[in-house]
N, C-alpha and C. Protein backbone atom coordinates (compact mmCIF):
# COMPACT_ATOMS: atom_id res chain seq x y z
N ASP A 1 -36.99 68.06 41.38
CA ASP A 1 -35.89 67.53 40.87
C ASP A 1 -35.42 68.21 39.85
N GLY A 2 -33.67 68.45 40.10
CA GLY A 2 -33.09 69.49 38.82
C GLY A 2 -33.10 68.35 37.62
N ILE A 3 -33.47 67.82 37.33
CA ILE A 3 -33.24 67.14 36.00
C ILE A 3 -33.42 67.75 34.93
N ASP A 4 -33.11 67.61 33.78
CA ASP A 4 -32.62 68.33 33.05
C ASP A 4 -33.43 68.17 32.15
N LEU A 5 -35.38 68.53 31.08
CA LEU A 5 -35.58 67.55 30.18
C LEU A 5 -35.71 68.50 29.36
N GLY A 6 -35.11 67.54 28.14
CA GLY A 6 -35.32 68.20 26.74
C GLY A 6 -36.60 67.96 26.06
N GLY A 7 -36.28 69.33 25.13
CA GLY A 7 -37.96 69.87 24.71
C GLY A 7 -37.37 69.90 22.93
N LEU A 8 -38.05 69.63 22.30
CA LEU A 8 -37.72 70.02 20.70
C LEU A 8 -39.02 71.11 20.29
N PHE A 9 -38.53 72.01 20.00
CA PHE A 9 -39.66 72.98 19.02
C PHE A 9 -39.07 73.75 17.34
N ARG A 10 -40.58 74.13 17.14
CA ARG A 10 -40.43 74.84 15.45
C ARG A 10 -40.88 75.51 15.74
N PHE A 11 -40.21 76.90 15.40
CA PHE A 11 -40.67 77.83 15.14
C PHE A 11 -40.28 78.69 13.95
N GLU A 12 -41.12 79.96 13.46
CA GLU A 12 -40.79 80.89 12.71
C GLU A 12 -40.37 82.23 12.70
N PHE A 13 -38.81 82.95 12.56
CA PHE A 13 -38.95 83.77 12.89
C PHE A 13 -39.03 84.67 11.82
N PRO A 14 -39.12 85.75 12.66
CA PRO A 14 -39.48 87.06 11.54
C PRO A 14 -38.16 87.20 10.84
N GLU A 15 -37.98 87.50 8.77
CA GLU A 15 -37.08 87.27 8.91
C GLU A 15 -36.75 89.33 8.69
N ARG A 16 -35.31 89.29 9.66
CA ARG A 16 -35.27 91.06 10.28
C ARG A 16 -34.03 91.14 11.08
N PRO A 17 -33.49 92.28 11.27
CA PRO A 17 -32.80 92.31 12.13
C PRO A 17 -32.47 91.97 13.48
N GLY A 18 -32.58 91.39 13.75
CA GLY A 18 -32.28 91.02 15.64
C GLY A 18 -33.48 89.98 16.06
N ALA A 19 -34.43 89.66 15.13
CA ALA A 19 -34.73 88.28 15.45
C ALA A 19 -34.23 86.93 16.37
N THR A 20 -32.94 87.14 15.62
CA THR A 20 -32.25 85.67 16.67
C THR A 20 -31.90 86.37 17.90
N LEU A 21 -31.15 87.81 17.76
CA LEU A 21 -30.91 88.41 19.06
C LEU A 21 -32.20 87.60 20.27
N ASP A 22 -33.39 88.24 19.70
CA ASP A 22 -34.91 88.21 20.41
C ASP A 22 -34.90 87.23 21.48
N PHE A 23 -34.75 86.19 19.90
CA PHE A 23 -35.19 84.54 20.83
C PHE A 23 -33.89 84.60 22.05
N LEU A 24 -32.85 85.16 21.48
CA LEU A 24 -31.19 84.26 22.71
C LEU A 24 -31.67 85.09 23.76
N SER A 25 -32.21 86.18 23.58
CA SER A 25 -32.61 87.01 24.56
C SER A 25 -33.74 86.29 25.99
N ALA A 26 -35.07 86.32 24.82
CA ALA A 26 -35.55 85.65 25.64
C ALA A 26 -35.15 84.22 26.35
N ILE A 27 -34.20 83.78 26.28
CA ILE A 27 -34.21 82.37 26.65
C ILE A 27 -33.00 82.62 27.18
N GLY A 28 -31.70 83.48 27.31
CA GLY A 28 -31.69 83.92 28.44
C GLY A 28 -29.96 82.80 28.83
N SER A 29 -30.19 82.86 29.99
CA SER A 29 -28.66 82.04 30.59
C SER A 29 -29.59 80.82 31.29
N ARG A 30 -31.32 80.99 31.42
CA ARG A 30 -31.85 79.99 32.70
C ARG A 30 -32.17 78.93 31.48
N TRP A 31 -32.09 78.63 30.63
CA TRP A 31 -32.13 77.54 29.89
C TRP A 31 -31.15 77.59 28.64
N ASN A 32 -30.53 76.05 28.26
CA ASN A 32 -29.56 75.74 27.34
C ASN A 32 -30.30 75.39 26.16
N ILE A 33 -29.82 76.02 25.05
CA ILE A 33 -30.25 75.53 23.28
C ILE A 33 -28.30 74.30 23.49
N SER A 34 -29.70 73.20 22.75
CA SER A 34 -28.98 72.31 22.97
C SER A 34 -29.08 71.88 20.75
N LEU A 35 -30.20 71.92 20.75
CA LEU A 35 -30.34 72.48 19.14
C LEU A 35 -30.50 73.49 19.04
N PHE A 36 -29.64 73.99 17.16
CA PHE A 36 -30.34 75.24 16.75
C PHE A 36 -30.06 75.41 15.30
N HIS A 37 -30.99 75.42 14.50
CA HIS A 37 -31.22 75.04 13.30
C HIS A 37 -32.07 75.92 12.40
N TYR A 38 -31.10 76.78 11.68
CA TYR A 38 -31.63 78.43 11.15
C TYR A 38 -32.19 77.92 9.44
N ARG A 39 -32.91 78.11 8.95
CA ARG A 39 -33.45 77.72 7.35
C ARG A 39 -34.17 78.70 7.09
N ASN A 40 -33.57 79.27 6.10
CA ASN A 40 -34.53 80.73 5.39
C ASN A 40 -34.36 80.13 3.99
N HIS A 41 -35.91 80.20 3.23
CA HIS A 41 -35.91 79.81 2.44
C HIS A 41 -37.09 80.89 1.39
N GLY A 42 -36.72 82.13 1.58
CA GLY A 42 -37.23 83.57 0.75
C GLY A 42 -38.54 84.29 1.28
N ALA A 43 -38.92 83.33 2.22
CA ALA A 43 -40.03 84.00 2.73
C ALA A 43 -39.99 84.75 3.53
N ALA A 44 -41.02 85.69 4.32
CA ALA A 44 -40.97 86.76 5.75
C ALA A 44 -40.62 86.06 6.88
N TYR A 45 -40.27 85.09 6.58
CA TYR A 45 -39.87 84.44 8.27
C TYR A 45 -39.20 83.25 7.61
N GLY A 46 -38.30 82.99 8.80
CA GLY A 46 -37.23 81.99 8.90
C GLY A 46 -38.03 81.22 9.82
N ARG A 47 -37.07 79.13 9.43
CA ARG A 47 -38.46 78.25 10.15
C ARG A 47 -36.96 77.70 11.16
N VAL A 48 -36.88 77.51 11.84
CA VAL A 48 -36.03 77.02 13.07
C VAL A 48 -36.29 75.88 13.85
N LEU A 49 -35.40 74.99 13.99
CA LEU A 49 -36.08 73.43 15.14
C LEU A 49 -34.40 74.61 16.03
N CYS A 50 -35.24 73.83 17.26
CA CYS A 50 -34.47 73.67 18.50
C CYS A 50 -34.74 73.19 19.03
N GLY A 51 -33.48 72.73 19.99
CA GLY A 51 -34.00 71.86 21.93
C GLY A 51 -33.58 72.50 22.77
N LEU A 52 -33.88 72.56 23.54
CA LEU A 52 -34.11 73.64 25.06
C LEU A 52 -33.82 72.55 26.31
N GLN A 53 -33.09 72.66 26.74
CA GLN A 53 -33.13 71.59 27.77
C GLN A 53 -33.61 72.61 28.71
N VAL A 54 -34.71 71.78 29.71
CA VAL A 54 -35.54 73.44 30.85
C VAL A 54 -35.53 72.22 32.05
N PRO A 55 -35.34 72.70 32.57
CA PRO A 55 -35.09 71.94 34.35
C PRO A 55 -36.39 71.37 34.58
N ARG A 56 -36.83 70.67 34.98
CA ARG A 56 -38.27 69.63 35.64
C ARG A 56 -38.57 71.10 36.31
N GLY A 57 -39.54 71.50 36.95
CA GLY A 57 -40.58 72.17 37.37
C GLY A 57 -40.64 73.73 36.76
N GLU A 58 -39.47 73.83 35.27
CA GLU A 58 -39.34 74.90 34.67
C GLU A 58 -40.11 75.37 33.81
N TRP A 59 -40.91 74.53 33.19
CA TRP A 59 -41.47 74.03 31.53
C TRP A 59 -43.02 75.12 31.26
N THR A 60 -43.11 76.02 32.56
CA THR A 60 -44.26 76.31 32.83
C THR A 60 -43.56 78.47 32.58
N ALA A 61 -42.60 78.48 32.83
CA ALA A 61 -42.10 79.86 33.13
C ALA A 61 -41.38 79.72 30.96
N CYS A 62 -40.26 78.57 30.42
CA CYS A 62 -40.40 78.76 28.98
C CYS A 62 -41.54 79.08 28.30
N ARG A 63 -42.52 78.07 28.14
CA ARG A 63 -43.56 77.70 27.44
C ARG A 63 -44.00 80.12 27.58
N GLU A 64 -44.20 80.35 29.13
CA GLU A 64 -44.97 81.54 29.02
C GLU A 64 -43.40 82.83 28.62
N ALA A 65 -42.23 82.26 28.12
CA ALA A 65 -41.18 83.44 27.56
C ALA A 65 -41.24 83.18 26.28
N LEU A 66 -41.20 82.05 26.29
CA LEU A 66 -41.96 81.86 24.76
C LEU A 66 -42.90 82.64 24.28
N ASN A 67 -44.73 82.20 24.65
CA ASN A 67 -45.19 82.69 24.25
C ASN A 67 -44.90 84.36 23.97
N ALA A 68 -44.02 85.06 25.01
CA ALA A 68 -44.21 86.38 25.38
C ALA A 68 -43.28 86.88 24.03
N LEU A 69 -42.80 85.98 23.32
CA LEU A 69 -41.54 85.81 22.39
C LEU A 69 -42.75 86.80 21.38
N GLY A 70 -43.15 86.33 21.43
CA GLY A 70 -44.23 86.19 20.19
C GLY A 70 -44.29 85.69 18.58
N TYR A 71 -43.23 85.17 18.30
CA TYR A 71 -42.74 84.05 17.35
C TYR A 71 -43.88 83.34 17.71
N PRO A 72 -44.51 82.45 16.12
CA PRO A 72 -45.37 81.30 15.87
C PRO A 72 -43.97 79.96 17.15
N TRP A 73 -44.62 79.25 17.97
CA TRP A 73 -44.20 77.58 17.79
C TRP A 73 -44.95 77.00 18.09
N TRP A 74 -44.31 75.60 18.13
CA TRP A 74 -44.98 73.99 18.15
C TRP A 74 -44.24 73.09 19.10
N ALA A 75 -44.30 73.25 19.95
CA ALA A 75 -43.44 71.83 20.77
C ALA A 75 -43.75 70.81 19.54
N GLU A 76 -42.32 70.30 19.09
CA GLU A 76 -42.07 68.72 18.23
C GLU A 76 -42.06 67.70 18.79
N SER A 77 -41.93 67.69 20.26
CA SER A 77 -42.06 66.72 21.57
C SER A 77 -42.87 65.60 21.22
N ASP A 78 -44.00 66.02 20.72
CA ASP A 78 -45.06 65.26 21.05
C ASP A 78 -45.61 64.60 19.65
N ASN A 79 -44.54 64.97 18.34
CA ASN A 79 -44.65 65.14 16.97
C ASN A 79 -44.49 63.11 17.54
N PRO A 80 -45.62 62.12 16.12
CA PRO A 80 -45.59 60.74 15.78
C PRO A 80 -43.22 60.38 15.33
N VAL A 81 -43.22 61.42 15.03
CA VAL A 81 -41.46 61.00 14.44
C VAL A 81 -41.22 61.42 15.04
N TYR A 82 -40.94 62.43 15.97
CA TYR A 82 -39.64 62.26 16.86
C TYR A 82 -39.15 61.26 17.54
N PRO A 83 -39.62 60.41 18.01
CA PRO A 83 -38.95 59.27 18.60
C PRO A 83 -37.58 58.49 17.44
N MET A 84 -38.70 58.59 16.11
CA MET A 84 -37.35 58.29 14.90
C MET A 84 -36.56 59.41 14.83
N PHE A 85 -36.40 61.07 15.22
CA PHE A 85 -35.95 61.53 15.15
C PHE A 85 -34.22 61.22 15.86
N LEU A 86 -35.24 61.11 17.07
CA LEU A 86 -33.81 60.45 18.28
C LEU A 86 -33.19 58.99 17.97
N GLY A 87 -34.34 58.33 17.38
CA GLY A 87 -33.64 57.78 16.69
C GLY A 87 -33.54 55.77 17.64
N THR A 88 -34.80 56.88 18.72
CA THR A 88 -35.25 55.42 19.52
C THR A 88 -36.57 54.41 18.58
N GLU A 89 -36.64 54.66 18.15
CA GLU A 89 -37.75 53.89 17.08
C GLU A 89 -37.55 53.85 15.78
N SER A 90 -37.78 52.56 15.03
CA SER A 90 -37.51 52.52 14.07
C SER A 90 -38.92 52.58 12.65
N ALA A 91 -38.89 53.13 11.28
CA ALA A 91 -40.07 53.70 10.73
C ALA A 91 -40.65 52.17 10.72
N GLY A 92 -40.75 50.95 11.52
CA GLY A 92 -41.57 50.42 11.36
C GLY A 92 -42.53 50.14 11.98
N SER A 93 -41.75 50.40 13.13
CA SER A 93 -42.60 50.36 14.68
C SER A 93 -44.17 50.42 14.74
């Protein structure tokens, strides 16, 4: 079924020219970026929070593309605070 599934990911981008372009090239037009927040904190890497919409059945290909990119990344969709980020669960639940 072609329903897009949303996923929230955290990345560490190297602080070098072309790092964001490399990420965008890896994602290409195959998957939709629904959220992109970059934070530079003066280190050798920048922190990125990114939402991706991936058609059902393409998660494996998406994860392989992210791994091939070589940037450290974490799927935040399983994080216990993820429902609070989305506003689907209160802090007291």
